[in-house]
Structure formats: structure tokens, C-alpha cells
């Protein structure tokens, strides 16, 4: 059988005109129901990048999502390997893809790779992943499941649109591998794969040509991912796999395996990879991950990551990372053209993503921290929790002090070890180098006043110079 072709823009079901290379370009028309509404709109947003296979199938991909063909609803899955105890921003587009399918009434599955993480996916990597101990993988898998379930709950509670959604299921592929015996598995599955095809994958070729080469464990990763697809096809009727554009080779392996065993067609859809300003893929391995777990990246930090996006990026990110309708995004950008200093699109982008990842409370926390740090808001400081203060002032020194009668500004600075002893520390205050709760203090002998130097929540924010913060929690007020 000839290898199925890759579909970047499918013939006959996008509305558009042929481009200069014969590729059909998506036009401006957008349907909002049925197959065209789901696939064409996400293609227009830039979320869906590639489709596989292009032809040679008994049923076309759009037909799977057509309510009138009897194929509705479909089941779509995406895998997430627990190589860390948190997902990161680079995973969000795959999750958004699953959510869009769920919102259209289809059932979606997120597979935590508790088994495949033991091998390590070589896709997009120049060297082998560091091996993880089994207990570390299990711990990471539990954390990923919790993170996924939290985002699913946020999506359900905060982004409902009044329509009937499909289900969202979280599975762990260790559940169907832990009873497998190696020889039995290789005998049953291994014979269905051809070495020439596996070796031809770009991810494999790249690693084989590298100085480090490629281990057998990494080489077999695509076989296990293909088997995952087969297992989900058999047990859940899953016919579509979603993944990053670097997963296309693994998706192809799954298609070939399932078609060979069952004669049925399955499909793959890829989403773009998110890169830094230097073009590097965002992620743990590159050392530039923006995590989705609050313990690793606070809601404030996540919010600020998106607020800081440049004007030439923000419109694309609004299309990719939010559920906002395209006309609303266009309106935001029109307002931005008139008043760019307000950074309206960036703030809306940051709010939508932070709310999805951390819920309304997380978004409120991010806004409080923003007001406290960048707008010197005393009101925001007074209602911040200890956790928020530690998240906001990660490098700050935290002290617990007893407020004795007559405690002065100088006493406070010295007890917090914020200034040197002697005349130099005294001068730092008199010369305006010290502020308490965003207000400059220049009299070292001033006695602390509750409500001014000490906030209602019993805290004082001490700043020495421009960037050195000290957080003081007063006891026995």
C-alpha cells in the first residue's frame, strides 16, 4: 500500500483559493457548525497545523466530525509524558486542541505516559533524556493527572458556553503496559513494524547522525506510542490523535500499525510548537519552561509571561491560547492600534490563560501581585496572603519580629538584617534609600505606626535600594 500523504490544507473542505504552490489557502468564510466549523475555524486560528493522512482512506477526516453522517461524536486523544511534575506552557496548545474538540461535543482523552516516560521520546531532541527512577515517574504522573484535572475543572466552570460538551478523561498508559510480558509483546506487536519505515522517521534520522547516536529504548518509543493509539482505538473508539508538530512521525507509526491490524483508518492532527524569541522550543530540556504548576511558576509569573508578549506576537497568541471569537480578537487589536500604551490585548491574553490554568482565584492573585509590585498599591499589599508574598518576592528575606513599644525604622531595618550596622546603615535611611510599604522613609528614629508602616494583615514590605526586598511579619500585635 502506498504511504498516505500528509495533509496541511485539505482539498475540498476548506473554503479558499489555490495558493502559488497549489496548496489551498483558507479564505475568510467561517462556518460555525459541523465539520467546517470545527476544523476550518481552528485552522484559521492557527491551532491546527497539519492533518494526516491526506488521501487513500475510506472516510475523510471532516466526515468524522459531521453530525449528519452517524459518526458523531468522535474520540480524540493526546499524550503527555511525566518527565517532570508539571506541564508547561509548551503543552497548552495540545490541551487547547482537546478543549476545542470537547466544546464541539466530542469526547477527549489525555494520556499520561507513565510507561512511555521510562523510555524517553527522542522527537525534537539532540540527545537522550536523563533516565528517571520508576518512583519518580509515578510521582510525576500523579502530579500531571492532578494538574490536568484542575484545568479540566477550570474549563468547565469558567468557560462554559451553554452548549453540551463531550467528556474529558485522563488515563495513564502504565495501566495497559504493567501486565505485558516483553517477549509476548514483541511477538505480537513487533512483527507489525518494518525497520525501514521506523528508521526513515526524521526524529530517528537526526539522532542517528548525531555524535551521541540513539538508544534502543528511544528507538522503540514510537512503537509504544503507536500501541497507545491502537489500545485507545480498540477500547475507546479513538480515531484521532492530537500532538505537537514534532510528533508527526509517531502519529504516522500509529496510523500504519492500526491500519495493518484492523484495516481501519485513523487520523492525526498537529498543533504548532511554541518557541522563545530566539526560536528555541519552550520546555524543560531547553531550560526556559514556564510551568503550569503553581509551586513552580506562580499565577503572577504566568500572567506576566503573557502580559510581556510583543505586539507582533499577541494577536497570534490570542488566537492560539484563548477561546475568544475571532471578531472579538480583531476588535481588541483595533483598540490596541489606537491606544498601544494600554496593552489591552496582552492583558486580556494573560487573564484568559491564567484563569484557565489557575482558576479565578489564581487570576485574582496575579492581579493583586501586579498591583502591589508595579503600581505600589497598598490596598493590594494589605490583602495578600503569605503565599502570594512569597511567590511575588521570591528572592526576598522573610522575617518574623515582635513589635516592641517604640520600635523605630532603624530598629526594624537592623533586626531584618537589611542594612549594615553603624553610620553607613543610618545614612542609607537618611539619604532616601529605604522605603516601607512603597513609601520612602528618611527619619531613622521614626516609630512604626500600625496602618502606615504595618499593614492590616500584620506585614511590612521593606525595600532597600531599587530591588532588595524584605518581608516582615509582626507578631503579638
Protein backbone atom coordinates (compact mmCIF):
# COMPACT_ATOMS: atom_id res chain seq x y z
CA UNK A 1 0.00 0.00 0.00
CA UNK A 2 1.36 3.41 -0.90
CA UNK A 3 2.15 5.59 2.08
CA UNK A 4 -0.69 8.00 2.86
CA UNK A 5 0.04 11.60 2.13
CA UNK A 6 0.33 14.40 4.65
CA UNK A 7 -2.44 16.97 4.53
CA UNK A 8 -1.51 20.51 5.50
CA UNK A 9 -4.61 22.02 3.87
CA UNK A 10 -7.24 19.50 2.86
CA UNK A 11 -8.76 19.65 -0.62
CA UNK A 12 -12.46 20.12 -0.95
CA UNK A 13 -13.36 21.04 2.59
CA UNK A 14 -11.66 24.35 3.21
CA UNK A 15 -13.19 27.43 1.65
CA UNK A 16 -10.41 29.24 -0.20
CA UNK A 17 -8.39 29.64 -3.34
CA UNK A 18 -5.26 27.84 -4.54
CA UNK A 19 -2.01 29.46 -3.48
CA UNK A 20 1.07 29.90 -5.62
CA UNK A 21 2.24 26.35 -4.97
CA UNK A 22 -1.13 24.71 -5.50
CA UNK A 23 -1.84 24.48 -1.76
CA UNK A 24 -5.39 25.51 -0.98
CA UNK A 25 -5.38 28.64 1.16
CA UNK A 26 -8.12 29.20 3.71
CA UNK A 27 -10.43 32.06 2.84
CA UNK A 28 -12.28 34.43 5.13
CA UNK A 29 -15.52 32.50 5.30
CA UNK A 30 -16.02 30.54 8.52
CA UNK A 31 -18.84 28.15 9.27
CA UNK A 32 -19.71 27.72 12.92
CA UNK A 33 -21.28 24.30 12.97
CA UNK A 34 -20.43 20.82 11.77
CA UNK A 35 -17.09 19.73 10.36
CA UNK A 36 -16.32 23.04 8.68
CA UNK A 37 -16.93 24.95 11.91
CA UNK A 38 -14.62 22.78 13.98
CA UNK A 39 -11.74 22.15 11.62
CA UNK A 40 -11.78 25.26 9.47
CA UNK A 41 -12.10 27.67 12.39
CA UNK A 42 -9.18 26.08 14.24
CA UNK A 43 -7.13 26.13 11.05
CA UNK A 44 -7.97 29.81 10.67
CA UNK A 45 -6.90 30.44 14.25
CA UNK A 46 -3.60 28.69 13.55
CA UNK A 47 -4.16 26.00 16.18
CA UNK A 48 -4.41 23.05 13.77
CA UNK A 49 -1.32 22.86 11.58
CA UNK A 50 -1.09 19.51 9.78
CA UNK A 51 -3.50 16.66 9.05
CA UNK A 52 -2.61 13.03 8.31
CA UNK A 53 -3.36 11.11 6.12
CA UNK A 54 -4.37 13.16 3.12
CA UNK A 55 -5.95 10.53 0.89
CA UNK A 56 -6.26 6.81 0.42
CA UNK A 57 -8.72 6.46 3.31
CA UNK A 58 -12.25 5.11 3.23
CA UNK A 59 -13.56 8.12 5.11
CA UNK A 60 -12.30 11.69 5.03
CA UNK A 61 -11.29 13.39 8.26
CA UNK A 62 -14.07 16.04 8.08
CA UNK A 63 -16.69 13.29 7.81
CA UNK A 64 -15.73 12.06 11.27
CA UNK A 65 -16.94 15.33 12.77
CA UNK A 66 -20.08 15.70 10.67
CA UNK A 67 -23.19 15.25 12.83
CA UNK A 68 -25.15 14.06 9.81
CA UNK A 69 -23.02 11.02 8.96
CA UNK A 70 -23.68 8.92 12.05
CA UNK A 71 -20.03 9.24 13.13
CA UNK A 72 -20.73 11.79 15.84
CA UNK A 73 -19.30 12.08 18.45
CA UNK A 74 -15.68 11.10 17.91
CA UNK A 75 -12.94 10.43 20.46
CA UNK A 76 -9.64 12.32 20.26
CA UNK A 77 -6.56 11.82 22.41
CA UNK A 78 -3.25 13.47 23.20
CA UNK A 79 -0.37 12.13 25.29
CA UNK A 80 1.70 13.89 27.95
CA UNK A 81 4.82 12.21 29.33
CA UNK A 82 5.55 12.86 33.03
CA UNK A 83 9.22 13.74 32.61
CA UNK A 84 8.57 16.49 35.20
CA UNK A 85 5.96 17.01 37.90
CA UNK A 86 4.20 19.75 35.95
CA UNK A 87 3.10 20.58 32.45
CA UNK A 88 4.36 23.84 30.97
CA UNK A 89 3.20 26.49 28.50
CA UNK A 90 4.52 24.39 25.64
CA UNK A 91 1.82 21.79 26.42
CA UNK A 92 -1.03 24.28 26.46
CA UNK A 93 -1.78 24.22 22.73
CA UNK A 94 -2.37 20.47 22.77
CA UNK A 95 -4.69 20.95 25.73
CA UNK A 96 -6.49 23.79 23.97
CA UNK A 97 -6.95 21.49 20.98
CA UNK A 98 -8.57 18.86 23.21
CA UNK A 99 -10.77 21.51 24.83
CA UNK A 100 -11.98 22.78 21.44
CA UNK A 101 -12.99 19.25 20.46
CA UNK A 102 -14.73 18.78 23.81
CA UNK A 103 -16.60 22.06 23.36
CA UNK A 104 -17.82 20.81 19.97
CA UNK A 105 -19.39 17.76 21.66
CA UNK A 106 -16.63 15.18 21.12
CA UNK A 107 -15.04 13.01 23.80
CA UNK A 108 -11.38 13.62 24.54
CA UNK A 109 -8.69 11.69 26.40
CA UNK A 110 -5.45 12.96 27.93
CA UNK A 111 -3.00 10.09 28.33
CA UNK A 112 -0.31 10.50 30.97
CA UNK A 113 2.67 8.47 29.79
CA UNK A 114 3.55 6.67 32.99
CA UNK A 115 5.09 3.89 30.89
CA UNK A 116 6.48 5.75 27.87
CA UNK A 117 8.25 8.31 30.08
CA UNK A 118 10.55 5.46 31.15
CA UNK A 119 11.88 5.29 27.58
CA UNK A 120 12.02 8.97 26.65
CA UNK A 121 10.64 10.48 23.46
CA UNK A 122 13.50 11.36 21.06
CA UNK A 123 11.32 13.68 18.95
CA UNK A 124 12.87 17.12 18.61
CA UNK A 125 15.83 16.25 20.84
CA UNK A 126 19.54 16.30 20.11
CA UNK A 127 20.48 13.94 22.94
CA UNK A 128 18.91 11.27 25.13
CA UNK A 129 16.78 12.26 28.09
CA UNK A 130 18.15 11.59 31.55
CA UNK A 131 16.68 8.32 32.82
CA UNK A 132 14.14 8.66 35.64
CA UNK A 133 13.67 6.24 38.51
CA UNK A 134 10.32 4.37 38.43
CA UNK A 135 9.06 6.03 41.64
CA UNK A 136 9.94 9.47 40.26
CA UNK A 137 7.92 8.75 37.12
CA UNK A 138 4.95 7.56 39.21
CA UNK A 139 5.14 10.69 41.37
CA UNK A 140 5.33 12.92 38.30
CA UNK A 141 2.41 11.07 36.72
CA UNK A 142 0.24 11.69 39.79
CA UNK A 143 1.14 15.37 39.71
CA UNK A 144 0.35 15.65 35.99
CA UNK A 145 -3.01 13.97 36.48
CA UNK A 146 -3.87 16.43 39.26
CA UNK A 147 -2.81 19.37 37.10
CA UNK A 148 -4.85 18.15 34.15
CA UNK A 149 -7.92 17.53 36.27
CA UNK A 150 -7.65 21.02 37.79
CA UNK A 151 -7.54 22.63 34.33
CA UNK A 152 -10.45 20.50 33.16
CA UNK A 153 -12.45 21.75 36.16
CA UNK A 154 -11.47 25.39 35.47
CA UNK A 155 -12.51 24.98 31.85
CA UNK A 156 -15.84 23.51 32.82
CA UNK A 157 -16.62 26.12 35.48
CA UNK A 158 -15.28 29.30 33.92
CA UNK A 159 -15.57 28.89 30.15
CA UNK A 160 -18.98 27.26 29.67
CA UNK A 161 -20.81 28.43 26.54
CA UNK A 162 -24.27 26.97 27.15
CA UNK A 163 -23.73 24.03 24.80
CA UNK A 164 -23.49 20.32 25.56
CA UNK A 165 -19.86 19.27 25.75
CA UNK A 166 -18.23 15.90 25.38
CA UNK A 167 -16.37 14.11 28.17
CA UNK A 168 -12.76 14.65 29.24
CA UNK A 169 -10.98 11.53 30.53
CA UNK A 170 -7.48 11.28 31.99
CA UNK A 171 -5.73 7.91 31.64
CA UNK A 172 -2.23 6.57 32.39
CA UNK A 173 -0.69 4.23 29.82
CA UNK A 174 1.08 2.26 32.55
CA UNK A 175 -2.35 0.73 33.16
CA UNK A 176 -2.14 -1.30 29.94
CA UNK A 177 1.59 -1.98 29.98
CA UNK A 178 2.22 -3.22 33.52
CA UNK A 179 0.75 -6.67 32.72
CA UNK A 180 2.55 -7.02 29.40
CA UNK A 181 5.37 -9.55 29.15
CA UNK A 182 8.28 -8.39 27.00
CA UNK A 183 8.57 -11.43 24.73
CA UNK A 184 4.81 -11.72 24.29
CA UNK A 185 4.55 -8.03 23.47
CA UNK A 186 7.39 -8.11 20.92
CA UNK A 187 5.99 -11.23 19.32
CA UNK A 188 2.50 -9.76 18.97
CA UNK A 189 3.42 -6.18 18.12
CA UNK A 190 6.97 -6.13 16.83
CA UNK A 191 6.19 -8.10 13.72
CA UNK A 192 3.78 -5.43 12.52
CA UNK A 193 6.50 -2.77 12.17
CA UNK A 194 9.04 -2.52 9.36
CA UNK A 195 12.54 -1.38 10.28
CA UNK A 196 12.94 0.67 7.11
CA UNK A 197 9.87 2.73 7.91
CA UNK A 198 10.87 3.28 11.54
CA UNK A 199 14.40 4.26 10.53
CA UNK A 200 13.10 6.76 7.98
CA UNK A 201 11.44 8.98 10.61
CA UNK A 202 13.07 12.38 10.80
CA UNK A 203 13.46 12.20 14.59
CA UNK A 204 15.33 8.91 14.22
CA UNK A 205 17.50 10.10 11.34
CA UNK A 206 18.50 13.23 13.23
CA UNK A 207 19.58 11.26 16.28
CA UNK A 208 21.38 8.54 14.33
CA UNK A 209 23.51 11.21 12.66
CA UNK A 210 24.36 12.88 15.97
CA UNK A 211 27.62 12.10 17.84
CA UNK A 212 25.66 10.52 20.70
CA UNK A 213 23.55 8.29 18.49
CA UNK A 214 20.29 6.73 19.66
CA UNK A 215 19.50 4.06 22.25
CA UNK A 216 17.21 1.11 21.62
CA UNK A 217 14.84 2.40 24.31
CA UNK A 218 14.39 5.70 22.46
CA UNK A 219 14.07 3.92 19.13
CA UNK A 220 11.19 1.82 20.47
CA UNK A 221 9.34 4.87 21.79
CA UNK A 222 7.39 5.30 18.55
CA UNK A 223 6.31 1.65 18.76
CA UNK A 224 4.80 2.18 22.21
CA UNK A 225 3.11 5.41 21.16
CA UNK A 226 1.63 3.58 18.20
CA UNK A 227 0.40 0.86 20.54
CA UNK A 228 -1.19 3.52 22.78
CA UNK A 229 -3.19 4.72 19.79
CA UNK A 230 -4.19 1.13 18.98
CA UNK A 231 -5.26 0.46 22.58
CA UNK A 232 -7.40 3.59 22.65
CA UNK A 233 -8.87 2.74 19.25
CA UNK A 234 -9.82 -0.73 20.46
CA UNK A 235 -11.16 0.23 23.90
CA UNK A 236 -12.46 3.78 23.42
CA UNK A 237 -13.12 4.01 19.69
CA UNK A 238 -10.47 6.73 19.42
CA UNK A 239 -9.70 7.61 15.78
CA UNK A 240 -7.81 10.91 16.07
CA UNK A 241 -4.51 11.66 17.77
CA UNK A 242 -3.51 15.23 18.55
CA UNK A 243 0.09 16.25 19.15
CA UNK A 244 2.81 18.82 18.62
CA UNK A 245 4.26 19.13 15.13
CA UNK A 246 7.32 17.18 16.31
CA UNK A 247 5.02 14.18 16.93
CA UNK A 248 4.05 13.64 13.31
CA UNK A 249 6.37 10.66 12.81
CA UNK A 250 4.98 8.92 15.90
CA UNK A 251 1.42 9.62 14.72
CA UNK A 252 2.24 8.08 11.33
CA UNK A 253 3.53 4.95 13.07
CA UNK A 254 0.23 4.67 14.93
CA UNK A 255 -1.77 5.04 11.72
CA UNK A 256 0.24 2.34 9.96
CA UNK A 257 0.03 -0.05 12.91
CA UNK A 258 -3.74 0.29 13.34
CA UNK A 259 -4.46 0.11 9.61
CA UNK A 260 -2.34 -3.01 9.27
CA UNK A 261 -4.05 -4.79 12.15
CA UNK A 262 -7.64 -3.68 11.61
CA UNK A 263 -7.92 -2.28 8.10
CA UNK A 264 -9.46 0.84 9.65
CA UNK A 265 -8.33 4.42 9.15
CA UNK A 266 -7.29 6.75 11.94
CA UNK A 267 -6.02 10.31 11.73
CA UNK A 268 -3.54 12.74 13.21
CA UNK A 269 -3.69 16.49 13.76
CA UNK A 270 -0.69 18.53 14.85
CA UNK A 271 -0.51 21.86 16.66
CA UNK A 272 2.37 24.35 16.43
CA UNK A 273 5.32 24.32 18.79
CA UNK A 274 5.71 27.40 20.98
CA UNK A 275 9.19 28.89 20.82
CA UNK A 276 11.09 31.63 22.59
CA UNK A 277 12.19 34.87 20.92
CA UNK A 278 15.39 33.07 19.90
CA UNK A 279 13.42 30.28 18.20
CA UNK A 280 14.13 27.66 20.88
CA UNK A 281 11.28 25.33 21.81
CA UNK A 282 9.82 26.21 25.20
CA UNK A 283 10.28 23.36 27.62
CA UNK A 284 12.11 21.73 30.50
CA UNK A 285 15.02 20.49 28.41
CA UNK A 286 15.71 23.93 26.96
CA UNK A 287 15.69 25.40 30.47
CA UNK A 288 13.07 28.03 29.57
CA UNK A 289 9.88 26.33 30.75
CA UNK A 290 7.01 28.41 32.11
CA UNK A 291 5.31 25.85 34.31
CA UNK A 292 1.59 25.36 34.91
CA UNK A 293 2.04 24.12 38.49
CA UNK A 294 1.78 26.97 41.00
CA UNK A 295 4.66 25.59 43.06
CA UNK A 296 6.99 26.04 40.09
CA UNK A 297 5.58 29.13 38.35
CA UNK A 298 3.20 31.34 40.31
CA UNK A 299 -0.01 32.74 38.78
CA UNK A 300 1.68 36.17 38.84
CA UNK A 301 4.66 34.87 36.84
CA UNK A 302 2.41 33.11 34.33
CA UNK A 303 0.32 36.26 33.97
CA UNK A 304 3.42 38.39 33.44
CA UNK A 305 4.80 35.98 30.82
CA UNK A 306 1.80 36.70 28.62
CA UNK A 307 1.50 40.39 29.52
CA UNK A 308 5.06 40.85 28.25
CA UNK A 309 4.38 39.43 24.81
CA UNK A 310 5.34 41.74 21.98
CA UNK A 311 2.81 43.41 19.70
CA UNK A 312 3.85 41.22 16.78
CA UNK A 313 3.03 38.09 18.81
CA UNK A 314 -0.02 38.93 20.87
CA UNK A 315 -2.67 38.59 18.14
CA UNK A 316 -1.41 35.14 17.19
CA UNK A 317 -1.33 34.10 20.84
CA UNK A 318 -4.90 35.33 21.39
CA UNK A 319 -5.98 33.06 18.55
CA UNK A 320 -4.00 30.11 19.87
CA UNK A 321 -4.31 30.31 23.65
CA UNK A 322 -7.85 31.61 24.19
CA UNK A 323 -11.45 30.77 23.32
CA UNK A 324 -12.20 34.35 22.29
CA UNK A 325 -14.09 34.60 18.98
CA UNK A 326 -12.03 35.94 16.09
CA UNK A 327 -14.19 39.10 15.71
CA UNK A 328 -13.54 39.94 19.37
CA UNK A 329 -9.80 39.47 18.85
CA UNK A 330 -9.96 41.74 15.81
CA UNK A 331 -11.74 44.37 17.92
CA UNK A 332 -9.09 44.14 20.65
CA UNK A 333 -6.36 44.69 18.08
CA UNK A 334 -8.20 47.69 16.58
CA UNK A 335 -8.38 49.29 20.04
CA UNK A 336 -4.71 48.45 20.55
CA UNK A 337 -3.78 50.31 17.36
CA UNK A 338 -5.36 53.45 18.85
CA UNK A 339 -4.00 53.09 22.39
CA UNK A 340 -0.99 50.73 22.33
CA UNK A 341 0.28 52.01 25.67
CA UNK A 342 -2.65 50.35 27.47
CA UNK A 343 -1.53 46.89 26.28
CA UNK A 344 -5.15 45.76 26.18
CA UNK A 345 -4.60 42.59 24.09
CA UNK A 346 -1.70 41.47 26.28
CA UNK A 347 -3.70 41.92 29.47
CA UNK A 348 -6.68 40.04 28.04
CA UNK A 349 -4.42 37.22 26.83
CA UNK A 350 -2.76 36.96 30.25
CA UNK A 351 -6.12 36.99 32.03
CA UNK A 352 -7.66 34.26 29.84
CA UNK A 353 -4.69 31.90 30.16
CA UNK A 354 -4.16 32.46 33.89
CA UNK A 355 -7.87 31.84 34.55
CA UNK A 356 -7.77 28.57 32.61
CA UNK A 357 -4.64 27.31 34.36
CA UNK A 358 -5.19 28.62 37.91
CA UNK A 359 -8.88 29.46 38.08
CA UNK A 360 -10.48 32.75 39.07
CA UNK A 361 -8.63 32.80 42.40
CA UNK A 362 -5.33 32.44 40.58
CA UNK A 363 -6.17 35.29 38.23
CA UNK A 364 -7.21 37.49 41.17
CA UNK A 365 -3.92 36.65 42.89
CA UNK A 366 -1.92 37.55 39.78
CA UNK A 367 -3.68 40.90 39.53
CA UNK A 368 -3.11 41.66 43.23
CA UNK A 369 0.58 40.89 42.87
CA UNK A 370 0.77 43.06 39.75
CA UNK A 371 -0.85 45.98 41.55
CA UNK A 372 1.38 45.56 44.61
CA UNK A 373 4.64 45.34 42.67
CA UNK A 374 4.18 47.58 39.66
CA UNK A 375 1.58 50.07 40.88
CA UNK A 376 2.71 50.39 44.53
CA UNK A 377 -0.80 49.53 45.69
CA UNK A 378 -1.11 49.46 49.48
CA UNK A 379 -4.64 48.06 49.19
CA UNK A 380 -3.30 45.09 47.24
CA UNK A 381 -0.48 44.52 49.75
CA UNK A 382 -2.91 44.52 52.66
CA UNK A 383 -4.99 41.64 51.30
CA UNK A 384 -2.14 39.49 50.01
CA UNK A 385 -1.64 36.11 51.63
CA UNK A 386 1.70 34.83 52.89
CA UNK A 387 1.81 32.50 49.89
CA UNK A 388 1.33 35.37 47.45
CA UNK A 389 4.04 37.41 49.13
CA UNK A 390 6.48 34.52 48.91
CA UNK A 391 5.57 33.98 45.26
CA UNK A 392 5.93 37.65 44.42
CA UNK A 393 9.12 38.31 46.37
CA UNK A 394 10.90 35.00 45.79
CA UNK A 395 14.33 36.46 46.43
CA UNK A 396 13.21 38.42 49.49
CA UNK A 397 14.23 37.68 53.05
CA UNK A 398 11.27 36.78 55.28
CA UNK A 399 11.40 37.61 58.99
CA UNK A 400 9.06 37.27 61.96
CA UNK A 401 9.57 40.03 64.53
CA UNK A 402 7.91 41.03 67.79
CA UNK A 403 6.70 44.63 67.79
CA UNK A 404 8.12 46.16 70.96
CA UNK A 405 6.85 49.58 72.09
CA UNK A 406 8.82 52.35 70.44
CA UNK A 407 10.25 50.19 67.64
CA UNK A 408 11.79 52.56 65.12
CA UNK A 409 12.55 52.42 61.41
CA UNK A 410 16.23 51.93 62.25
CA UNK A 411 15.43 49.10 64.69
CA UNK A 412 13.31 47.38 62.06
CA UNK A 413 15.95 47.59 59.33
CA UNK A 414 18.65 46.22 61.62
CA UNK A 415 16.52 43.39 63.03
CA UNK A 416 15.70 42.34 59.45
CA UNK A 417 19.42 42.48 58.58
CA UNK A 418 18.51 44.86 55.78
CA UNK A 419 21.19 47.48 56.42
CA UNK A 420 24.74 47.36 57.80
CA UNK A 421 25.44 48.36 61.38
CA UNK A 422 26.90 51.72 62.17
CA UNK A 423 26.79 55.08 60.41
CA UNK A 424 26.54 53.62 56.90
CA UNK A 425 23.20 51.94 57.60
CA UNK A 426 21.91 55.10 59.27
CA UNK A 427 22.85 57.15 56.19
CA UNK A 428 21.08 54.72 53.86
CA UNK A 429 17.84 55.75 55.56
CA UNK A 430 18.50 59.47 55.75
CA UNK A 431 19.61 59.57 52.10
CA UNK A 432 16.31 58.06 50.90
CA UNK A 433 17.45 54.51 50.18
CA UNK A 434 14.77 52.85 52.31
CA UNK A 435 11.01 52.52 51.84
CA UNK A 436 8.33 50.76 53.85
CA UNK A 437 5.17 49.67 52.06
CA UNK A 438 6.20 51.62 48.96
CA UNK A 439 6.65 54.88 50.90
CA UNK A 440 10.09 56.37 51.37
CA UNK A 441 11.24 56.86 54.98
CA UNK A 442 14.10 59.23 55.78
CA UNK A 443 13.94 59.54 59.58
CA UNK A 444 15.66 56.55 61.21
CA UNK A 445 14.14 57.40 64.60
CA UNK A 446 10.52 57.38 63.40
CA UNK A 447 8.41 54.98 65.47
CA UNK A 448 6.46 52.43 63.48
CA UNK A 449 2.76 53.17 63.17
CA UNK A 450 0.18 50.42 62.62
CA UNK A 451 -1.78 51.20 59.48
CA UNK A 452 1.13 53.08 57.94
CA UNK A 453 4.34 51.13 58.44
CA UNK A 454 2.49 47.96 59.43
CA UNK A 455 -0.40 46.84 57.22
CA UNK A 456 -3.74 45.46 58.37
CA UNK A 457 -2.53 41.92 57.67
CA UNK A 458 0.41 42.42 60.07
CA UNK A 459 3.03 42.70 57.35
CA UNK A 460 5.62 45.27 56.35
CA UNK A 461 7.32 45.36 52.96
CA UNK A 462 10.78 46.81 53.36
CA UNK A 463 12.74 47.84 50.27
CA UNK A 464 16.40 48.79 50.32
CA UNK A 465 17.61 50.48 47.17
CA UNK A 466 15.78 49.55 43.98
CA UNK A 467 15.50 45.77 44.12
CA UNK A 468 16.22 44.37 47.59
CA UNK A 469 13.00 43.40 49.37
CA UNK A 470 12.45 42.21 52.93
CA UNK A 471 9.07 40.93 54.13
CA UNK A 472 8.42 41.26 57.85
CA UNK A 473 5.58 39.52 59.66
CA UNK A 474 4.86 41.18 63.00
CA UNK A 475 3.90 39.01 65.97
CA UNK A 476 1.82 39.87 69.01
CA UNK A 477 0.19 42.94 67.50
